[in-house]
Amino acid sequence: MFRSPLKVYGEYLIPKAAAEGSMTGSNSVRAGKSMSGLEIVVCAEASDADPEVGLTVAAGTSVTIRIKQSQDGEVFIALPDCAKSFDEESVFLPGEILARMTLPSDCLLHIKGDLAFSAAPEGNVSMFPAYLPR
């Protein structure tokens, strides 16, 4: 488990998909009352054609994680965005982490997530909650 995100099977905010400039997650995940024990992870996924090929991000590209929270699972309120910039072209193998964001200790019960790239990368990506080891 060293350097491997600890996640619940099937709990994806954005399941494996071709990376686009803007990606909207349709899944809601229960994440409340985790007392800062969860983080949101953006991870490169294997290509459909070649399982050894991951994701390529161009120089000057930034990725922004947008998380929304809700107590009832109906009305969602945005948390502050988290952004990361890549100064040079970066190649990520399947399973490698592009970006991460820790959820606040007072996060409400349900979360949804969106992902935005300033320039669309080449490859597949996913976003999911992962447990922080303590």
C-alpha atoms as a PDB file:
ATOM      1  CA  MET A   1       0.000   0.000   0.000  1.00  0.00           C
ATOM      2  CA  PHE A   2       3.013   2.322   0.000  1.00  0.00           C
ATOM      3  CA  ARG A   3       2.263   5.347  -2.230  1.00  0.00           C
ATOM      4  CA  SER A   4      -0.988   3.760  -3.314  1.00  0.00           C
ATOM      5  CA  PRO A   5      -4.290   5.529  -2.582  1.00  0.00           C
ATOM      6  CA  LEU A   6      -6.576   3.567  -0.277  1.00  0.00           C
ATOM      7  CA  LYS A   7     -10.020   3.793  -1.850  1.00  0.00           C
ATOM      8  CA  VAL A   8     -13.389   2.117  -1.559  1.00  0.00           C
ATOM      9  CA  TYR A   9     -14.218  -0.098  -4.540  1.00  0.00           C
ATOM     10  CA  GLY A  10     -16.524   1.684  -6.967  1.00  0.00           C
ATOM     11  CA  GLU A  11     -16.615   5.067  -5.196  1.00  0.00           C
ATOM     12  CA  TYR A  12     -15.659   7.457  -7.980  1.00  0.00           C
ATOM     13  CA  LEU A  13     -16.590  11.105  -8.259  1.00  0.00           C
ATOM     14  CA  ILE A  14     -15.495  10.859 -11.904  1.00  0.00           C
ATOM     15  CA  PRO A  15     -14.973   7.280 -13.134  1.00  0.00           C
ATOM     16  CA  LYS A  16     -12.324   6.497 -15.768  1.00  0.00           C
ATOM     17  CA  ALA A  17     -12.931   8.779 -18.750  1.00  0.00           C
ATOM     18  CA  ALA A  18     -11.042  10.477 -21.557  1.00  0.00           C
ATOM     19  CA  ALA A  19      -9.598  13.694 -20.138  1.00  0.00           C
ATOM     20  CA  GLU A  20     -11.310  16.846 -21.364  1.00  0.00           C
ATOM     21  CA  GLY A  21     -11.004  20.542 -20.586  1.00  0.00           C
ATOM     22  CA  SER A  22     -13.982  20.365 -18.234  1.00  0.00           C
ATOM     23  CA  MET A  23     -15.294  17.189 -16.606  1.00  0.00           C
ATOM     24  CA  THR A  24     -18.437  17.073 -14.464  1.00  0.00           C
ATOM     25  CA  GLY A  25     -18.905  14.283 -11.973  1.00  0.00           C
ATOM     26  CA  SER A  26     -22.400  12.831 -11.738  1.00  0.00           C
ATOM     27  CA  ASN A  27     -21.748  10.563  -8.752  1.00  0.00           C
ATOM     28  CA  SER A  28     -22.404  11.618  -5.167  1.00  0.00           C
ATOM     29  CA  VAL A  29     -20.285   9.976  -2.450  1.00  0.00           C
ATOM     30  CA  ARG A  30     -20.847   9.943   1.320  1.00  0.00           C
ATOM     31  CA  ALA A  31     -17.807  11.615   2.849  1.00  0.00           C
ATOM     32  CA  GLY A  32     -19.062  13.523   5.877  1.00  0.00           C
ATOM     33  CA  LYS A  33     -17.842  13.076   9.440  1.00  0.00           C
ATOM     34  CA  SER A  34     -14.477  11.776   8.219  1.00  0.00           C
ATOM     35  CA  MET A  35     -12.591  14.309  10.409  1.00  0.00           C
ATOM     36  CA  SER A  36     -10.107  15.197   7.623  1.00  0.00           C
ATOM     37  CA  GLY A  37      -9.458  11.508   7.016  1.00  0.00           C
ATOM     38  CA  LEU A  38     -10.297  11.724   3.306  1.00  0.00           C
ATOM     39  CA  GLU A  39      -8.642  13.351   0.347  1.00  0.00           C
ATOM     40  CA  ILE A  40      -9.742  13.732  -3.242  1.00  0.00           C
ATOM     41  CA  VAL A  41      -7.315  12.144  -5.701  1.00  0.00           C
ATOM     42  CA  VAL A  42      -7.002  12.794  -9.445  1.00  0.00           C
ATOM     43  CA  CYS A  43      -5.324   9.776 -10.997  1.00  0.00           C
ATOM     44  CA  ALA A  44      -4.108   8.789 -14.472  1.00  0.00           C
ATOM     45  CA  GLU A  45      -5.870   5.735 -15.879  1.00  0.00           C
ATOM     46  CA  ALA A  46      -4.760   3.185 -18.484  1.00  0.00           C
ATOM     47  CA  SER A  47      -5.524   3.751 -22.129  1.00  0.00           C
ATOM     48  CA  ASP A  48      -8.153   1.487 -23.670  1.00  0.00           C
ATOM     49  CA  ALA A  49      -5.743   0.555 -26.467  1.00  0.00           C
ATOM     50  CA  ASP A  50      -2.610   0.055 -24.336  1.00  0.00           C
ATOM     51  CA  PRO A  51      -2.713  -0.616 -20.559  1.00  0.00           C
ATOM     52  CA  GLU A  52       0.845   0.764 -20.187  1.00  0.00           C
ATOM     53  CA  VAL A  53      -0.098   4.234 -21.495  1.00  0.00           C
ATOM     54  CA  GLY A  54      -1.389   6.792 -19.005  1.00  0.00           C
ATOM     55  CA  LEU A  55      -1.854  10.553 -19.319  1.00  0.00           C
ATOM     56  CA  THR A  56       0.211  13.351 -20.882  1.00  0.00           C
ATOM     57  CA  VAL A  57      -0.216  16.916 -19.605  1.00  0.00           C
ATOM     58  CA  ALA A  58       1.224  19.772 -21.693  1.00  0.00           C
ATOM     59  CA  ALA A  59       3.561  22.413 -20.258  1.00  0.00           C
ATOM     60  CA  GLY A  60       1.716  25.372 -18.739  1.00  0.00           C
ATOM     61  CA  THR A  61      -1.446  23.367 -18.056  1.00  0.00           C
ATOM     62  CA  SER A  62      -3.266  23.657 -14.741  1.00  0.00           C
ATOM     63  CA  VAL A  63      -5.775  21.264 -13.189  1.00  0.00           C
ATOM     64  CA  THR A  64      -8.509  22.488 -10.829  1.00  0.00           C
ATOM     65  CA  ILE A  65     -10.460  20.275  -8.433  1.00  0.00           C
ATOM     66  CA  ARG A  66     -13.924  21.609  -7.577  1.00  0.00           C
ATOM     67  CA  ILE A  67     -15.785  19.859  -4.763  1.00  0.00           C
ATOM     68  CA  LYS A  68     -19.378  20.535  -3.753  1.00  0.00           C
ATOM     69  CA  GLN A  69     -20.881  19.374  -0.455  1.00  0.00           C
ATOM     70  CA  SER A  70     -24.430  18.715   0.733  1.00  0.00           C
ATOM     71  CA  GLN A  71     -26.135  17.595   3.917  1.00  0.00           C
ATOM     72  CA  ASP A  72     -29.170  16.076   2.194  1.00  0.00           C
ATOM     73  CA  GLY A  73     -27.684  15.019  -1.168  1.00  0.00           C
ATOM     74  CA  GLU A  74     -29.952  17.453  -3.024  1.00  0.00           C
ATOM     75  CA  VAL A  75     -28.605  21.007  -2.613  1.00  0.00           C
ATOM     76  CA  PHE A  76     -24.822  21.277  -3.071  1.00  0.00           C
ATOM     77  CA  ILE A  77     -22.572  24.133  -1.893  1.00  0.00           C
ATOM     78  CA  ALA A  78     -19.086  24.648  -3.350  1.00  0.00           C
ATOM     79  CA  LEU A  79     -15.921  24.278  -1.279  1.00  0.00           C
ATOM     80  CA  PRO A  80     -12.845  26.374  -2.201  1.00  0.00           C
ATOM     81  CA  ASP A  81     -11.145  25.143  -5.392  1.00  0.00           C
ATOM     82  CA  CYS A  82      -7.758  23.458  -5.378  1.00  0.00           C
ATOM     83  CA  ALA A  83      -5.449  24.030  -8.366  1.00  0.00           C
ATOM     84  CA  LYS A  84      -2.104  22.652  -9.481  1.00  0.00           C
ATOM     85  CA  SER A  85       0.037  23.893 -12.390  1.00  0.00           C
ATOM     86  CA  PHE A  86       2.498  21.932 -14.521  1.00  0.00           C
ATOM     87  CA  ASP A  87       5.499  24.018 -15.655  1.00  0.00           C
ATOM     88  CA  GLU A  88       6.746  21.395 -18.094  1.00  0.00           C
ATOM     89  CA  GLU A  89       5.183  18.527 -20.015  1.00  0.00           C
ATOM     90  CA  SER A  90       4.394  15.685 -17.611  1.00  0.00           C
ATOM     91  CA  VAL A  91       3.730  12.038 -18.398  1.00  0.00           C
ATOM     92  CA  PHE A  92       1.831   9.982 -15.821  1.00  0.00           C
ATOM     93  CA  LEU A  93       1.698   6.188 -15.873  1.00  0.00           C
ATOM     94  CA  PRO A  94      -1.599   4.461 -15.042  1.00  0.00           C
ATOM     95  CA  GLY A  95      -2.230   4.786 -11.303  1.00  0.00           C
ATOM     96  CA  GLU A  96       0.011   7.823 -10.799  1.00  0.00           C
ATOM     97  CA  ILE A  97      -1.493  10.811  -8.992  1.00  0.00           C
ATOM     98  CA  LEU A  98      -1.783  14.172 -10.781  1.00  0.00           C
ATOM     99  CA  ALA A  99      -3.320  16.178  -7.934  1.00  0.00           C
ATOM    100  CA  ARG A 100      -4.900  15.767  -4.515  1.00  0.00           C
ATOM    101  CA  MET A 101      -7.030  17.812  -2.132  1.00  0.00           C
ATOM    102  CA  THR A 102      -7.806  17.118   1.526  1.00  0.00           C
ATOM    103  CA  LEU A 103     -11.429  17.534   2.572  1.00  0.00           C
ATOM    104  CA  PRO A 104     -12.097  19.865   5.516  1.00  0.00           C
ATOM    105  CA  SER A 105     -12.891  18.369   8.925  1.00  0.00           C
ATOM    106  CA  ASP A 106     -16.415  19.856   8.862  1.00  0.00           C
ATOM    107  CA  CYS A 107     -17.306  18.549   5.387  1.00  0.00           C
ATOM    108  CA  LEU A 108     -21.009  17.822   4.997  1.00  0.00           C
ATOM    109  CA  LEU A 109     -22.361  14.301   4.415  1.00  0.00           C
ATOM    110  CA  HIS A 110     -22.368  14.103   0.576  1.00  0.00           C
ATOM    111  CA  ILE A 111     -19.831  15.358  -1.973  1.00  0.00           C
ATOM    112  CA  LYS A 112     -19.694  15.707  -5.761  1.00  0.00           C
ATOM    113  CA  GLY A 113     -16.727  16.775  -7.834  1.00  0.00           C
ATOM    114  CA  ASP A 114     -15.758  18.504 -11.053  1.00  0.00           C
ATOM    115  CA  LEU A 115     -12.391  18.647 -12.753  1.00  0.00           C
ATOM    116  CA  ALA A 116     -11.084  21.360 -15.073  1.00  0.00           C
ATOM    117  CA  PHE A 117      -7.918  21.476 -17.173  1.00  0.00           C
ATOM    118  CA  SER A 118      -6.725  24.728 -18.768  1.00  0.00           C
ATOM    119  CA  ALA A 119      -5.702  22.620 -21.794  1.00  0.00           C
ATOM    120  CA  ALA A 120      -7.098  19.137 -22.381  1.00  0.00           C
ATOM    121  CA  PRO A 121      -4.498  16.429 -21.674  1.00  0.00           C
ATOM    122  CA  GLU A 122      -4.111  13.248 -23.721  1.00  0.00           C
ATOM    123  CA  GLY A 123      -5.273  10.080 -21.999  1.00  0.00           C
ATOM    124  CA  ASN A 124      -7.707   8.895 -19.330  1.00  0.00           C
ATOM    125  CA  VAL A 125      -8.245  10.211 -15.821  1.00  0.00           C
ATOM    126  CA  SER A 126     -10.408   9.466 -12.761  1.00  0.00           C
ATOM    127  CA  MET A 127     -11.226  11.276  -9.505  1.00  0.00           C
ATOM    128  CA  PHE A 128     -12.128   9.541  -6.261  1.00  0.00           C
ATOM    129  CA  PRO A 129     -12.007   9.926  -2.463  1.00  0.00           C
ATOM    130  CA  ALA A 130      -9.137   8.099  -0.736  1.00  0.00           C
ATOM    131  CA  TYR A 131      -8.510   7.448   2.945  1.00  0.00           C
ATOM    132  CA  LEU A 132      -5.550   9.126   4.618  1.00  0.00           C
ATOM    133  CA  PRO A 133      -3.512   6.728   6.762  1.00  0.00           C
ATOM    134  CA  ARG A 134      -3.311   7.695  10.418  1.00  0.00           C
END
